[in-house]
Every structure is written in C-alpha cells, then in structure tokens.
Amino acid sequence: MPARLSASMGAMREIQPIIHHGALVAVVIADQAIIPDAVPASDLPAVKAKCLYALEIAAGERPGPYTDAGAAAYASTIAAMRN
C-alpha cells in the first residue's frame, strides 16, 4: 500500500477507500466523502452508509479503526432501520 494511503489520522487513514461488493466505489478524505456518479442507485444507500461510518471514525464519534466488515455491518444496520 502506498505511504499516502497508510498515513494515520486518528483511528482512520487519511484516505479511506470504500469497498462495496469487492470494488472501490468511493473514498473518504478527511471530512469529505467522494462518491462517483457511476455508483448504481441500488448500491448508493449502502455506499453512503459506509462513507458515514468512515467519517464518524475520522471525527472521533465512533471507535476505530475502520474495517470493511465494520462498515458492512453499519450499512446493514442502517438499511434495517430504513425498512
């Protein structure tokens, strides 16, 4: 992994890749989530939830470190709450 991706920022990397269904779908950089328009609408709620999870860790509102499994569980919880 390049050094710029492993730079520490609290409990989260400075640049946090967001993986969904095995693919890079977004990145969280400091206090911003960047989600490309190409993300299918059906995946967007889960991707946004994973980004929110990363942002909350970066802000110190949730314990870290960020993990893909933790993000997936968070997204599942949010989806269940919406239904």
C-alpha atoms as a PDB file:
ATOM      1  CA  MET A   1       0.000   0.000   0.000  1.00  0.00           C
ATOM      2  CA  PRO A   2       1.445   3.426  -0.892  1.00  0.00           C
ATOM      3  CA  ALA A   3       2.613   5.565   2.014  1.00  0.00           C
ATOM      4  CA  ARG A   4      -0.037   8.213   1.380  1.00  0.00           C
ATOM      5  CA  LEU A   5      -2.786   5.639   1.994  1.00  0.00           C
ATOM      6  CA  SER A   6      -1.341   4.432   5.261  1.00  0.00           C
ATOM      7  CA  ALA A   7      -0.803   7.838   6.842  1.00  0.00           C
ATOM      8  CA  SER A   8      -2.555   7.867  10.186  1.00  0.00           C
ATOM      9  CA  MET A   9      -5.363  10.267  11.053  1.00  0.00           C
ATOM     10  CA  GLY A  10      -6.658   9.302  14.451  1.00  0.00           C
ATOM     11  CA  ALA A  11      -8.199   5.862  14.134  1.00  0.00           C
ATOM     12  CA  MET A  12      -8.626   6.099  10.357  1.00  0.00           C
ATOM     13  CA  ARG A  13      -6.284   6.514   7.425  1.00  0.00           C
ATOM     14  CA  GLU A  14      -6.030   9.952   5.874  1.00  0.00           C
ATOM     15  CA  ILE A  15      -7.548   8.485   2.705  1.00  0.00           C
ATOM     16  CA  GLN A  16     -10.037   5.715   3.340  1.00  0.00           C
ATOM     17  CA  PRO A  17     -11.050   3.591   0.360  1.00  0.00           C
ATOM     18  CA  ILE A  18     -14.667   2.426   0.495  1.00  0.00           C
ATOM     19  CA  ILE A  19     -15.163  -1.064  -0.893  1.00  0.00           C
ATOM     20  CA  HIS A  20     -18.571  -2.452  -1.859  1.00  0.00           C
ATOM     21  CA  HIS A  21     -19.096  -5.872  -3.480  1.00  0.00           C
ATOM     22  CA  GLY A  22     -15.317  -6.168  -3.817  1.00  0.00           C
ATOM     23  CA  ALA A  23     -14.874  -2.943  -5.783  1.00  0.00           C
ATOM     24  CA  LEU A  24     -13.601   0.508  -4.896  1.00  0.00           C
ATOM     25  CA  VAL A  25     -16.724   2.686  -5.022  1.00  0.00           C
ATOM     26  CA  ALA A  26     -15.804   5.803  -3.033  1.00  0.00           C
ATOM     27  CA  VAL A  27     -13.132   7.424  -0.896  1.00  0.00           C
ATOM     28  CA  VAL A  28     -13.308   9.385   2.307  1.00  0.00           C
ATOM     29  CA  ILE A  29     -10.681  12.089   2.610  1.00  0.00           C
ATOM     30  CA  ALA A  30     -10.557  13.926   5.941  1.00  0.00           C
ATOM     31  CA  ASP A  31     -14.131  15.200   6.347  1.00  0.00           C
ATOM     32  CA  GLN A  32     -15.386  14.547   2.801  1.00  0.00           C
ATOM     33  CA  ALA A  33     -16.832  11.537   1.038  1.00  0.00           C
ATOM     34  CA  ILE A  34     -16.302  11.323  -2.704  1.00  0.00           C
ATOM     35  CA  ILE A  35     -18.817   9.066  -4.418  1.00  0.00           C
ATOM     36  CA  PRO A  36     -18.693   8.940  -8.225  1.00  0.00           C
ATOM     37  CA  ASP A  37     -21.883   9.309 -10.242  1.00  0.00           C
ATOM     38  CA  ALA A  38     -21.212   5.836 -11.697  1.00  0.00           C
ATOM     39  CA  VAL A  39     -22.270   4.098  -8.456  1.00  0.00           C
ATOM     40  CA  PRO A  40     -25.562   2.344  -9.240  1.00  0.00           C
ATOM     41  CA  ALA A  41     -28.592   3.817  -7.473  1.00  0.00           C
ATOM     42  CA  SER A  42     -29.311   0.444  -5.877  1.00  0.00           C
ATOM     43  CA  ASP A  43     -25.877   0.477  -4.187  1.00  0.00           C
ATOM     44  CA  LEU A  44     -25.943   4.136  -3.193  1.00  0.00           C
ATOM     45  CA  PRO A  45     -27.584   3.761   0.260  1.00  0.00           C
ATOM     46  CA  ALA A  46     -25.021   1.159   1.368  1.00  0.00           C
ATOM     47  CA  VAL A  47     -22.119   3.163  -0.069  1.00  0.00           C
ATOM     48  CA  LYS A  48     -23.308   6.336   1.672  1.00  0.00           C
ATOM     49  CA  ALA A  49     -23.672   4.434   4.955  1.00  0.00           C
ATOM     50  CA  LYS A  50     -20.131   3.065   4.643  1.00  0.00           C
ATOM     51  CA  CYS A  51     -18.849   6.589   3.982  1.00  0.00           C
ATOM     52  CA  LEU A  52     -20.737   7.898   7.015  1.00  0.00           C
ATOM     53  CA  TYR A  53     -19.181   5.149   9.125  1.00  0.00           C
ATOM     54  CA  ALA A  54     -15.703   6.231   7.962  1.00  0.00           C
ATOM     55  CA  LEU A  55     -16.492   9.904   8.589  1.00  0.00           C
ATOM     56  CA  GLU A  56     -17.717   9.155  12.112  1.00  0.00           C
ATOM     57  CA  ILE A  57     -14.492   7.279  12.878  1.00  0.00           C
ATOM     58  CA  ALA A  58     -12.412  10.144  11.481  1.00  0.00           C
ATOM     59  CA  ALA A  59     -14.350  12.621  13.640  1.00  0.00           C
ATOM     60  CA  GLY A  60     -13.812  10.515  16.755  1.00  0.00           C
ATOM     61  CA  GLU A  61     -17.552   9.871  17.121  1.00  0.00           C
ATOM     62  CA  ARG A  62     -17.101   6.118  16.711  1.00  0.00           C
ATOM     63  CA  PRO A  63     -14.197   3.938  17.801  1.00  0.00           C
ATOM     64  CA  GLY A  64     -11.850   2.779  15.070  1.00  0.00           C
ATOM     65  CA  PRO A  65     -10.136   1.509  13.202  1.00  0.00           C
ATOM     66  CA  TYR A  66     -12.219   1.432  10.040  1.00  0.00           C
ATOM     67  CA  THR A  67     -12.740  -2.065   8.705  1.00  0.00           C
ATOM     68  CA  ASP A  68     -14.687  -3.235   5.678  1.00  0.00           C
ATOM     69  CA  ALA A  69     -16.568  -5.700   7.913  1.00  0.00           C
ATOM     70  CA  GLY A  70     -17.474  -2.946  10.375  1.00  0.00           C
ATOM     71  CA  ALA A  71     -18.639  -0.705   7.546  1.00  0.00           C
ATOM     72  CA  ALA A  72     -20.761  -3.501   6.058  1.00  0.00           C
ATOM     73  CA  ALA A  73     -22.364  -4.190   9.444  1.00  0.00           C
ATOM     74  CA  TYR A  74     -23.064  -0.470   9.907  1.00  0.00           C
ATOM     75  CA  ALA A  75     -24.629  -0.266   6.434  1.00  0.00           C
ATOM     76  CA  SER A  76     -26.791  -3.326   7.180  1.00  0.00           C
ATOM     77  CA  THR A  77     -27.987  -1.765  10.435  1.00  0.00           C
ATOM     78  CA  ILE A  78     -28.879   1.475   8.652  1.00  0.00           C
ATOM     79  CA  ALA A  79     -30.729  -0.472   5.927  1.00  0.00           C
ATOM     80  CA  ALA A  80     -32.714  -2.398   8.547  1.00  0.00           C
ATOM     81  CA  MET A  81     -33.671   0.851  10.260  1.00  0.00           C
ATOM     82  CA  ARG A  82     -34.953   2.259   6.958  1.00  0.00           C
ATOM     83  CA  ASN A  83     -37.245  -0.726   6.366  1.00  0.00           C
END
